[in-house]
């Protein structure tokens, strides 16, 4: 796990037209699994694959579980995902991960 700059991650995602966002998704998944192994979900690569083959449905579940792993409640993450602001969850999750790293 490493501390990531949220601003740079957003900038890189925009510059690479979303490709860095995929990498960020995978890193967030793996880091959150390491922080809270009791609520471990699929690895980052598998979570991305499941999101692709389920046409985004697994992504909604992923957002909820990410919130549960990092904050204890995934309701905010789920609501943001359902109303089209799932990208905000990346920012919230990275902020929480950065807090755990110190």
PDB file of N, CA and C in Angstrom:
ATOM      1  N   UNK A   1       0.840  -1.175   0.000  1.00  0.00           N
ATOM      2  CA  UNK A   1       0.000   0.000   0.000  1.00  0.00           C
ATOM      3  C   UNK A   1       0.884   1.237   0.000  1.00  0.00           C
ATOM      4  N   UNK A   2       0.411   2.225  -0.745  1.00  0.00           N
ATOM      5  CA  UNK A   2       1.139   3.482  -0.721  1.00  0.00           C
ATOM      6  C   UNK A   2       0.142   4.629  -0.755  1.00  0.00           C
ATOM      7  N   UNK A   3       0.562   5.720  -0.171  1.00  0.00           N
ATOM      8  CA  UNK A   3      -0.262   6.920  -0.128  1.00  0.00           C
ATOM      9  C   UNK A   3      -0.289   7.536  -1.522  1.00  0.00           C
ATOM     10  N   UNK A   4      -1.498   7.829  -2.023  1.00  0.00           N
ATOM     11  CA  UNK A   4      -1.643   8.427  -3.349  1.00  0.00           C
ATOM     12  C   UNK A   4      -2.252   9.808  -3.235  1.00  0.00           C
ATOM     13  N   UNK A   5      -1.793  10.701  -4.073  1.00  0.00           N
ATOM     14  CA  UNK A   5      -2.363  12.032  -4.156  1.00  0.00           C
ATOM     15  C   UNK A   5      -3.684  11.956  -4.926  1.00  0.00           C
ATOM     16  N   UNK A   6      -4.752  12.402  -4.303  1.00  0.00           N
ATOM     17  CA  UNK A   6      -6.065  12.339  -4.941  1.00  0.00           C
ATOM     18  C   UNK A   6      -6.106  13.239  -6.169  1.00  0.00           C
ATOM     19  N   UNK A   7      -5.546  14.427  -6.057  1.00  0.00           N
ATOM     20  CA  UNK A   7      -5.535  15.353  -7.183  1.00  0.00           C
ATOM     21  C   UNK A   7      -4.797  14.792  -8.387  1.00  0.00           C
ATOM     22  N   UNK A   8      -3.635  14.198  -8.151  1.00  0.00           N
ATOM     23  CA  UNK A   8      -2.872  13.613  -9.248  1.00  0.00           C
ATOM     24  C   UNK A   8      -3.590  12.419  -9.851  1.00  0.00           C
ATOM     25  N   UNK A   9      -4.233  11.618  -9.007  1.00  0.00           N
ATOM     26  CA  UNK A   9      -4.976  10.466  -9.520  1.00  0.00           C
ATOM     27  C   UNK A   9      -6.109  10.915 -10.435  1.00  0.00           C
ATOM     28  N   UNK A  10      -6.806  11.967 -10.050  1.00  0.00           N
ATOM     29  CA  UNK A  10      -7.884  12.503 -10.889  1.00  0.00           C
ATOM     30  C   UNK A  10      -7.299  13.047 -12.192  1.00  0.00           C
ATOM     31  N   UNK A  11      -6.215  13.797 -12.091  1.00  0.00           N
ATOM     32  CA  UNK A  11      -5.574  14.362 -13.270  1.00  0.00           C
ATOM     33  C   UNK A  11      -5.112  13.265 -14.229  1.00  0.00           C
ATOM     34  N   UNK A  12      -4.454  12.232 -13.709  1.00  0.00           N
ATOM     35  CA  UNK A  12      -3.983  11.131 -14.549  1.00  0.00           C
ATOM     36  C   UNK A  12      -5.143  10.392 -15.199  1.00  0.00           C
ATOM     37  N   UNK A  13      -6.254  10.252 -14.467  1.00  0.00           N
ATOM     38  CA  UNK A  13      -7.432   9.595 -15.035  1.00  0.00           C
ATOM     39  C   UNK A  13      -7.974  10.396 -16.209  1.00  0.00           C
ATOM     40  N   UNK A  14      -7.997  11.699 -16.076  1.00  0.00           N
ATOM     41  CA  UNK A  14      -8.486  12.559 -17.166  1.00  0.00           C
ATOM     42  C   UNK A  14      -7.523  12.521 -18.347  1.00  0.00           C
ATOM     43  N   UNK A  15      -6.234  12.655 -18.072  1.00  0.00           N
ATOM     44  CA  UNK A  15      -5.232  12.685 -19.147  1.00  0.00           C
ATOM     45  C   UNK A  15      -5.211  11.372 -19.929  1.00  0.00           C
ATOM     46  N   UNK A  16      -5.352  10.236 -19.234  1.00  0.00           N
ATOM     47  CA  UNK A  16      -5.283   8.929 -19.902  1.00  0.00           C
ATOM     48  C   UNK A  16      -6.649   8.451 -20.376  1.00  0.00           C
ATOM     49  N   UNK A  17      -7.646   9.332 -20.312  1.00  0.00           N
ATOM     50  CA  UNK A  17      -9.005   9.004 -20.752  1.00  0.00           C
ATOM     51  C   UNK A  17      -9.579   7.792 -20.021  1.00  0.00           C
ATOM     52  N   UNK A  18      -9.296   7.695 -18.736  1.00  0.00           N
ATOM     53  CA  UNK A  18      -9.885   6.669 -17.887  1.00  0.00           C
ATOM     54  C   UNK A  18      -9.035   5.444 -17.632  1.00  0.00           C
ATOM     55  N   UNK A  19      -7.942   5.298 -18.357  1.00  0.00           N
ATOM     56  CA  UNK A  19      -7.110   4.098 -18.169  1.00  0.00           C
ATOM     57  C   UNK A  19      -6.491   4.086 -16.774  1.00  0.00           C
ATOM     58  N   UNK A  20      -6.020   5.232 -16.306  1.00  0.00           N
ATOM     59  CA  UNK A  20      -5.474   5.277 -14.946  1.00  0.00           C
ATOM     60  C   UNK A  20      -6.590   4.997 -13.933  1.00  0.00           C
ATOM     61  N   UNK A  21      -7.820   5.360 -14.254  1.00  0.00           N
ATOM     62  CA  UNK A  21      -8.953   5.079 -13.371  1.00  0.00           C
ATOM     63  C   UNK A  21      -9.140   3.589 -13.140  1.00  0.00           C
ATOM     64  N   UNK A  22      -8.857   2.775 -14.151  1.00  0.00           N
ATOM     65  CA  UNK A  22      -8.930   1.322 -13.999  1.00  0.00           C
ATOM     66  C   UNK A  22      -7.851   0.852 -13.026  1.00  0.00           C
ATOM     67  N   UNK A  23      -6.643   1.360 -13.208  1.00  0.00           N
ATOM     68  CA  UNK A  23      -5.551   1.021 -12.295  1.00  0.00           C
ATOM     69  C   UNK A  23      -5.890   1.456 -10.870  1.00  0.00           C
ATOM     70  N   UNK A  24      -6.465   2.644 -10.737  1.00  0.00           N
ATOM     71  CA  UNK A  24      -6.844   3.169  -9.422  1.00  0.00           C
ATOM     72  C   UNK A  24      -7.905   2.284  -8.777  1.00  0.00           C
ATOM     73  N   UNK A  25      -8.887   1.833  -9.548  1.00  0.00           N
ATOM     74  CA  UNK A  25      -9.923   0.920  -9.088  1.00  0.00           C
ATOM     75  C   UNK A  25      -9.291  -0.353  -8.510  1.00  0.00           C
ATOM     76  N   UNK A  26      -8.349  -0.910  -9.262  1.00  0.00           N
ATOM     77  CA  UNK A  26      -7.682  -2.146  -8.834  1.00  0.00           C
ATOM     78  C   UNK A  26      -6.889  -1.909  -7.553  1.00  0.00           C
ATOM     79  N   UNK A  27      -6.168  -0.796  -7.478  1.00  0.00           N
ATOM     80  CA  UNK A  27      -5.388  -0.473  -6.276  1.00  0.00           C
ATOM     81  C   UNK A  27      -6.292  -0.233  -5.072  1.00  0.00           C
ATOM     82  N   UNK A  28      -7.403   0.479  -5.266  1.00  0.00           N
ATOM     83  CA  UNK A  28      -8.333   0.726  -4.160  1.00  0.00           C
ATOM     84  C   UNK A  28      -8.879  -0.589  -3.615  1.00  0.00           C
ATOM     85  N   UNK A  29      -9.205  -1.495  -4.514  1.00  0.00           N
ATOM     86  CA  UNK A  29      -9.737  -2.795  -4.093  1.00  0.00           C
ATOM     87  C   UNK A  29      -8.703  -3.564  -3.290  1.00  0.00           C
ATOM     88  N   UNK A  30      -7.499  -3.659  -3.812  1.00  0.00           N
ATOM     89  CA  UNK A  30      -6.449  -4.416  -3.115  1.00  0.00           C
ATOM     90  C   UNK A  30      -6.080  -3.770  -1.785  1.00  0.00           C
ATOM     91  N   UNK A  31      -5.971  -2.441  -1.750  1.00  0.00           N
ATOM     92  CA  UNK A  31      -5.620  -1.749  -0.511  1.00  0.00           C
ATOM     93  C   UNK A  31      -6.711  -1.898   0.547  1.00  0.00           C
ATOM     94  N   UNK A  32      -7.972  -1.794   0.136  1.00  0.00           N
ATOM     95  CA  UNK A  32      -9.063  -1.927   1.101  1.00  0.00           C
ATOM     96  C   UNK A  32      -9.155  -3.360   1.627  1.00  0.00           C
ATOM     97  N   UNK A  33      -8.840  -4.343   0.787  1.00  0.00           N
ATOM     98  CA  UNK A  33      -8.805  -5.737   1.254  1.00  0.00           C
ATOM     99  C   UNK A  33      -7.690  -5.944   2.275  1.00  0.00           C
ATOM    100  N   UNK A  34      -6.587  -5.247   2.097  1.00  0.00           N
ATOM    101  CA  UNK A  34      -5.462  -5.358   3.032  1.00  0.00           C
ATOM    102  C   UNK A  34      -5.781  -4.665   4.355  1.00  0.00           C
ATOM    103  N   UNK A  35      -6.490  -3.538   4.289  1.00  0.00           N
ATOM    104  CA  UNK A  35      -6.839  -2.801   5.507  1.00  0.00           C
ATOM    105  C   UNK A  35      -7.850  -3.565   6.341  1.00  0.00           C
ATOM    106  N   UNK A  36      -8.826  -4.185   5.692  1.00  0.00           N
ATOM    107  CA  UNK A  36      -9.897  -4.877   6.417  1.00  0.00           C
ATOM    108  C   UNK A  36     -10.075  -6.284   5.853  1.00  0.00           C
ATOM    109  N   UNK A  37      -9.208  -7.215   6.236  1.00  0.00           N
ATOM    110  CA  UNK A  37      -9.280  -8.565   5.661  1.00  0.00           C
ATOM    111  C   UNK A  37     -10.524  -9.355   6.079  1.00  0.00           C
ATOM    112  N   UNK A  38     -11.220  -8.922   7.144  1.00  0.00           N
ATOM    113  CA  UNK A  38     -12.437  -9.629   7.564  1.00  0.00           C
ATOM    114  C   UNK A  38     -13.542  -9.476   6.529  1.00  0.00           C
ATOM    115  N   UNK A  39     -13.591  -8.340   5.841  1.00  0.00           N
ATOM    116  CA  UNK A  39     -14.606  -8.071   4.818  1.00  0.00           C
ATOM    117  C   UNK A  39     -14.009  -8.141   3.419  1.00  0.00           C
ATOM    118  N   UNK A  40     -13.029  -9.007   3.244  1.00  0.00           N
ATOM    119  CA  UNK A  40     -12.310  -9.096   1.983  1.00  0.00           C
ATOM    120  C   UNK A  40     -13.253  -9.489   0.845  1.00  0.00           C
ATOM    121  N   UNK A  41     -13.080  -8.823  -0.298  1.00  0.00           N
ATOM    122  CA  UNK A  41     -13.833  -9.167  -1.505  1.00  0.00           C
ATOM    123  C   UNK A  41     -12.851  -9.668  -2.554  1.00  0.00           C
ATOM    124  N   UNK A  42     -13.299  -9.773  -3.770  1.00  0.00           N
ATOM    125  CA  UNK A  42     -12.432 -10.227  -4.861  1.00  0.00           C
ATOM    126  C   UNK A  42     -11.232  -9.302  -5.002  1.00  0.00           C
ATOM    127  N   UNK A  43     -10.162  -9.838  -5.559  1.00  0.00           N
ATOM    128  CA  UNK A  43      -8.978  -9.004  -5.799  1.00  0.00           C
ATOM    129  C   UNK A  43      -9.328  -7.915  -6.809  1.00  0.00           C
ATOM    130  N   UNK A  44      -8.453  -6.939  -6.951  1.00  0.00           N
ATOM    131  CA  UNK A  44      -8.713  -5.817  -7.835  1.00  0.00           C
ATOM    132  C   UNK A  44      -8.972  -6.222  -9.275  1.00  0.00           C
ATOM    133  N   UNK A  45      -8.148  -7.100  -9.793  1.00  0.00           N
ATOM    134  CA  UNK A  45      -8.315  -7.562 -11.175  1.00  0.00           C
ATOM    135  C   UNK A  45      -9.624  -8.302 -11.383  1.00  0.00           C
ATOM    136  N   UNK A  46      -9.949  -9.192 -10.444  1.00  0.00           N
ATOM    137  CA  UNK A  46     -11.215  -9.925 -10.546  1.00  0.00           C
ATOM    138  C   UNK A  46     -12.416  -9.007 -10.387  1.00  0.00           C
ATOM    139  N   UNK A  47     -12.318  -8.051  -9.479  1.00  0.00           N
ATOM    140  CA  UNK A  47     -13.433  -7.112  -9.290  1.00  0.00           C
ATOM    141  C   UNK A  47     -13.677  -6.317 -10.571  1.00  0.00           C
ATOM    142  N   UNK A  48     -12.611  -5.910 -11.239  1.00  0.00           N
ATOM    143  CA  UNK A  48     -12.763  -5.189 -12.502  1.00  0.00           C
ATOM    144  C   UNK A  48     -13.399  -6.094 -13.553  1.00  0.00           C
ATOM    145  N   UNK A  49     -12.941  -7.336 -13.640  1.00  0.00           N
ATOM    146  CA  UNK A  49     -13.507  -8.291 -14.599  1.00  0.00           C
ATOM    147  C   UNK A  49     -14.988  -8.538 -14.313  1.00  0.00           C
ATOM    148  N   UNK A  50     -15.340  -8.743 -13.037  1.00  0.00           N
ATOM    149  CA  UNK A  50     -16.743  -8.967 -12.669  1.00  0.00           C
ATOM    150  C   UNK A  50     -17.612  -7.753 -13.024  1.00  0.00           C
ATOM    151  N   UNK A  51     -17.059  -6.558 -12.853  1.00  0.00           N
ATOM    152  CA  UNK A  51     -17.799  -5.347 -13.208  1.00  0.00           C
ATOM    153  C   UNK A  51     -18.048  -5.301 -14.707  1.00  0.00           C
ATOM    154  N   UNK A  52     -17.049  -5.686 -15.490  1.00  0.00           N
ATOM    155  CA  UNK A  52     -17.219  -5.699 -16.943  1.00  0.00           C
ATOM    156  C   UNK A  52     -18.255  -6.713 -17.397  1.00  0.00           C
ATOM    157  N   UNK A  53     -18.146  -7.942 -16.896  1.00  0.00           N
ATOM    158  CA  UNK A  53     -19.053  -8.986 -17.396  1.00  0.00           C
ATOM    159  C   UNK A  53     -20.470  -8.856 -16.847  1.00  0.00           C
ATOM    160  N   UNK A  54     -20.641  -8.109 -15.766  1.00  0.00           N
ATOM    161  CA  UNK A  54     -21.998  -7.908 -15.233  1.00  0.00           C
ATOM    162  C   UNK A  54     -22.582  -6.568 -15.687  1.00  0.00           C
ATOM    163  N   UNK A  55     -21.908  -5.903 -16.619  1.00  0.00           N
ATOM    164  CA  UNK A  55     -22.356  -4.603 -17.147  1.00  0.00           C
ATOM    165  C   UNK A  55     -22.545  -3.568 -16.045  1.00  0.00           C
ATOM    166  N   UNK A  56     -21.652  -3.588 -15.066  1.00  0.00           N
ATOM    167  CA  UNK A  56     -21.641  -2.568 -14.014  1.00  0.00           C
ATOM    168  C   UNK A  56     -22.382  -2.925 -12.746  1.00  0.00           C
ATOM    169  N   UNK A  57     -23.133  -4.008 -12.742  1.00  0.00           N
ATOM    170  CA  UNK A  57     -23.902  -4.368 -11.543  1.00  0.00           C
ATOM    171  C   UNK A  57     -22.967  -4.710 -10.387  1.00  0.00           C
ATOM    172  N   UNK A  58     -21.904  -5.463 -10.681  1.00  0.00           N
ATOM    173  CA  UNK A  58     -20.947  -5.773  -9.623  1.00  0.00           C
ATOM    174  C   UNK A  58     -20.293  -4.501  -9.114  1.00  0.00           C
ATOM    175  N   UNK A  59     -20.143  -3.500  -9.954  1.00  0.00           N
ATOM    176  CA  UNK A  59     -19.556  -2.224  -9.546  1.00  0.00           C
ATOM    177  C   UNK A  59     -20.370  -1.537  -8.462  1.00  0.00           C
ATOM    178  N   UNK A  60     -21.681  -1.676  -8.525  1.00  0.00           N
ATOM    179  CA  UNK A  60     -22.546  -1.106  -7.484  1.00  0.00           C
ATOM    180  C   UNK A  60     -22.305  -1.836  -6.160  1.00  0.00           C
ATOM    181  N   UNK A  61     -22.256  -3.160  -6.228  1.00  0.00           N
ATOM    182  CA  UNK A  61     -21.954  -3.963  -5.038  1.00  0.00           C
ATOM    183  C   UNK A  61     -20.564  -3.627  -4.511  1.00  0.00           C
ATOM    184  N   UNK A  62     -19.602  -3.460  -5.431  1.00  0.00           N
ATOM    185  CA  UNK A  62     -18.228  -3.128  -5.051  1.00  0.00           C
ATOM    186  C   UNK A  62     -18.191  -1.808  -4.283  1.00  0.00           C
ATOM    187  N   UNK A  63     -18.926  -0.809  -4.770  1.00  0.00           N
ATOM    188  CA  UNK A  63     -18.966   0.481  -4.089  1.00  0.00           C
ATOM    189  C   UNK A  63     -19.497   0.335  -2.673  1.00  0.00           C
ATOM    190  N   UNK A  64     -20.568  -0.437  -2.509  1.00  0.00           N
ATOM    191  CA  UNK A  64     -21.134  -0.653  -1.177  1.00  0.00           C
ATOM    192  C   UNK A  64     -20.119  -1.337  -0.258  1.00  0.00           C
ATOM    193  N   UNK A  65     -19.509  -2.416  -0.740  1.00  0.00           N
ATOM    194  CA  UNK A  65     -18.543  -3.154   0.083  1.00  0.00           C
ATOM    195  C   UNK A  65     -17.303  -2.322   0.388  1.00  0.00           C
ATOM    196  N   UNK A  66     -16.898  -1.458  -0.540  1.00  0.00           N
ATOM    197  CA  UNK A  66     -15.768  -0.574  -0.292  1.00  0.00           C
ATOM    198  C   UNK A  66     -16.072   0.332   0.890  1.00  0.00           C
ATOM    199  N   UNK A  67     -17.278   0.882   0.926  1.00  0.00           N
ATOM    200  CA  UNK A  67     -17.684   1.718   2.059  1.00  0.00           C
ATOM    201  C   UNK A  67     -17.699   0.953   3.361  1.00  0.00           C
ATOM    202  N   UNK A  68     -18.197  -0.277   3.324  1.00  0.00           N
ATOM    203  CA  UNK A  68     -18.242  -1.114   4.534  1.00  0.00           C
ATOM    204  C   UNK A  68     -16.828  -1.393   5.028  1.00  0.00           C
ATOM    205  N   UNK A  69     -15.928  -1.731   4.112  1.00  0.00           N
ATOM    206  CA  UNK A  69     -14.556  -2.064   4.508  1.00  0.00           C
ATOM    207  C   UNK A  69     -13.819  -0.875   5.105  1.00  0.00           C
ATOM    208  N   UNK A  70     -14.078   0.318   4.587  1.00  0.00           N
ATOM    209  CA  UNK A  70     -13.296   1.480   5.005  1.00  0.00           C
ATOM    210  C   UNK A  70     -13.956   2.323   6.086  1.00  0.00           C
ATOM    211  N   UNK A  71     -15.280   2.393   6.114  1.00  0.00           N
ATOM    212  CA  UNK A  71     -15.956   3.271   7.077  1.00  0.00           C
ATOM    213  C   UNK A  71     -16.906   2.535   8.007  1.00  0.00           C
ATOM    214  N   UNK A  72     -17.191   1.281   7.716  1.00  0.00           N
ATOM    215  CA  UNK A  72     -18.139   0.536   8.533  1.00  0.00           C
ATOM    216  C   UNK A  72     -19.559   0.602   8.008  1.00  0.00           C
ATOM    217  N   UNK A  73     -19.842   1.530   7.124  1.00  0.00           N
ATOM    218  CA  UNK A  73     -21.166   1.655   6.522  1.00  0.00           C
ATOM    219  C   UNK A  73     -21.007   2.007   5.054  1.00  0.00           C
ATOM    220  N   UNK A  74     -21.651   1.248   4.197  1.00  0.00           N
ATOM    221  CA  UNK A  74     -21.527   1.481   2.773  1.00  0.00           C
ATOM    222  C   UNK A  74     -22.691   2.232   2.162  1.00  0.00           C
ATOM    223  N   UNK A  75     -23.577   2.770   2.999  1.00  0.00           N
ATOM    224  CA  UNK A  75     -24.784   3.418   2.487  1.00  0.00           C
ATOM    225  C   UNK A  75     -24.455   4.632   1.620  1.00  0.00           C
ATOM    226  N   UNK A  76     -23.578   5.500   2.081  1.00  0.00           N
ATOM    227  CA  UNK A  76     -23.209   6.680   1.298  1.00  0.00           C
ATOM    228  C   UNK A  76     -22.601   6.267  -0.037  1.00  0.00           C
ATOM    229  N   UNK A  77     -21.712   5.296  -0.012  1.00  0.00           N
ATOM    230  CA  UNK A  77     -21.061   4.819  -1.221  1.00  0.00           C
ATOM    231  C   UNK A  77     -22.093   4.229  -2.182  1.00  0.00           C
ATOM    232  N   UNK A  78     -23.062   3.489  -1.653  1.00  0.00           N
ATOM    233  CA  UNK A  78     -24.112   2.898  -2.476  1.00  0.00           C
ATOM    234  C   UNK A  78     -24.982   3.976  -3.112  1.00  0.00           C
ATOM    235  N   UNK A  79     -25.393   4.954  -2.325  1.00  0.00           N
ATOM    236  CA  UNK A  79     -26.248   6.028  -2.847  1.00  0.00           C
ATOM    237  C   UNK A  79     -25.518   6.814  -3.930  1.00  0.00           C
ATOM    238  N   UNK A  80     -24.263   7.171  -3.685  1.00  0.00           N
ATOM    239  CA  UNK A  80     -23.493   7.900  -4.689  1.00  0.00           C
ATOM    240  C   UNK A  80     -23.362   7.093  -5.977  1.00  0.00           C
ATOM    241  N   UNK A  81     -23.185   5.800  -5.838  1.00  0.00           N
ATOM    242  CA  UNK A  81     -23.066   4.936  -7.007  1.00  0.00           C
ATOM    243  C   UNK A  81     -24.380   4.880  -7.788  1.00  0.00           C
ATOM    244  N   UNK A  82     -25.477   4.789  -7.074  1.00  0.00           N
ATOM    245  CA  UNK A  82     -26.781   4.668  -7.730  1.00  0.00           C
ATOM    246  C   UNK A  82     -27.215   5.948  -8.437  1.00  0.00           C
ATOM    247  N   UNK A  83     -26.793   7.109  -7.949  1.00  0.00           N
ATOM    248  CA  UNK A  83     -27.212   8.358  -8.583  1.00  0.00           C
ATOM    249  C   UNK A  83     -26.179   8.887  -9.586  1.00  0.00           C
ATOM    250  N   UNK A  84     -25.175   8.068  -9.887  1.00  0.00           N
ATOM    251  CA  UNK A  84     -24.227   8.438 -10.935  1.00  0.00           C
ATOM    252  C   UNK A  84     -22.981   9.163 -10.478  1.00  0.00           C
ATOM    253  N   UNK A  85     -22.740   9.174  -9.191  1.00  0.00           N
ATOM    254  CA  UNK A  85     -21.543   9.828  -8.661  1.00  0.00           C
ATOM    255  C   UNK A  85     -20.581   8.808  -8.049  1.00  0.00           C
ATOM    256  N   UNK A  86     -20.471   7.639  -8.668  1.00  0.00           N
ATOM    257  CA  UNK A  86     -19.574   6.598  -8.182  1.00  0.00           C
ATOM    258  C   UNK A  86     -18.120   7.025  -8.177  1.00  0.00           C
ATOM    259  N   UNK A  87     -17.767   7.970  -9.049  1.00  0.00           N
ATOM    260  CA  UNK A  87     -16.385   8.454  -9.095  1.00  0.00           C
ATOM    261  C   UNK A  87     -16.004   9.175  -7.801  1.00  0.00           C
ATOM    262  N   UNK A  88     -16.989   9.714  -7.095  1.00  0.00           N
ATOM    263  CA  UNK A  88     -16.714  10.371  -5.809  1.00  0.00           C
ATOM    264  C   UNK A  88     -16.248   9.332  -4.790  1.00  0.00           C
ATOM    265  N   UNK A  89     -16.722   8.098  -4.943  1.00  0.00           N
ATOM    266  CA  UNK A  89     -16.315   7.029  -4.030  1.00  0.00           C
ATOM    267  C   UNK A  89     -14.814   6.767  -4.109  1.00  0.00           C
ATOM    268  N   UNK A  90     -14.230   6.918  -5.291  1.00  0.00           N
ATOM    269  CA  UNK A  90     -12.783   6.758  -5.433  1.00  0.00           C
ATOM    270  C   UNK A  90     -12.065   7.767  -4.545  1.00  0.00           C
ATOM    271  N   UNK A  91     -12.555   8.997  -4.558  1.00  0.00           N
ATOM    272  CA  UNK A  91     -11.936  10.068  -3.776  1.00  0.00           C
ATOM    273  C   UNK A  91     -12.099   9.792  -2.282  1.00  0.00           C
ATOM    274  N   UNK A  92     -13.323   9.425  -1.872  1.00  0.00           N
ATOM    275  CA  UNK A  92     -13.577   9.133  -0.457  1.00  0.00           C
ATOM    276  C   UNK A  92     -12.743   7.945   0.014  1.00  0.00           C
ATOM    277  N   UNK A  93     -12.683   6.908  -0.815  1.00  0.00           N
ATOM    278  CA  UNK A  93     -11.929   5.707  -0.446  1.00  0.00           C
ATOM    279  C   UNK A  93     -10.439   5.995  -0.343  1.00  0.00           C
ATOM    280  N   UNK A  94      -9.906   6.746  -1.304  1.00  0.00           N
ATOM    281  CA  UNK A  94      -8.475   7.059  -1.258  1.00  0.00           C
ATOM    282  C   UNK A  94      -8.145   7.901  -0.042  1.00  0.00           C
ATOM    283  N   UNK A  95      -9.044   8.789   0.324  1.00  0.00           N
ATOM    284  CA  UNK A  95      -8.847   9.596   1.519  1.00  0.00           C
ATOM    285  C   UNK A  95      -8.782   8.708   2.762  1.00  0.00           C
ATOM    286  N   UNK A  96      -9.694   7.755   2.870  1.00  0.00           N
ATOM    287  CA  UNK A  96      -9.699   6.831   4.002  1.00  0.00           C
ATOM    288  C   UNK A  96      -8.439   5.958   4.008  1.00  0.00           C
ATOM    289  N   UNK A  97      -8.032   5.477   2.869  1.00  0.00           N
ATOM    290  CA  UNK A  97      -6.821   4.642   2.779  1.00  0.00           C
ATOM    291  C   UNK A  97      -5.603   5.460   3.193  1.00  0.00           C
ATOM    292  N   UNK A  98      -5.536   6.703   2.727  1.00  0.00           N
ATOM    293  CA  UNK A  98      -4.406   7.563   3.107  1.00  0.00           C
ATOM    294  C   UNK A  98      -4.369   7.779   4.619  1.00  0.00           C
ATOM    295  N   UNK A  99      -5.536   7.860   5.270  1.00  0.00           N
ATOM    296  CA  UNK A  99      -5.582   8.003   6.734  1.00  0.00           C
ATOM    297  C   UNK A  99      -5.017   6.761   7.419  1.00  0.00           C
ATOM    298  N   UNK A 100      -5.340   5.583   6.870  1.00  0.00           N
ATOM    299  CA  UNK A 100      -4.851   4.348   7.476  1.00  0.00           C
ATOM    300  C   UNK A 100      -3.342   4.189   7.314  1.00  0.00           C
ATOM    301  N   UNK A 101      -2.825   4.703   6.223  1.00  0.00           N
ATOM    302  CA  UNK A 101      -1.387   4.588   5.980  1.00  0.00           C
ATOM    303  C   UNK A 101      -0.608   5.518   6.907  1.00  0.00           C
ATOM    304  N   UNK A 102      -1.204   6.683   7.147  1.00  0.00           N
ATOM    305  CA  UNK A 102      -0.588   7.600   8.101  1.00  0.00           C
ATOM    306  C   UNK A 102       0.092   8.698   7.464  1.00  0.00           C
TER     307      UNK A 102
END
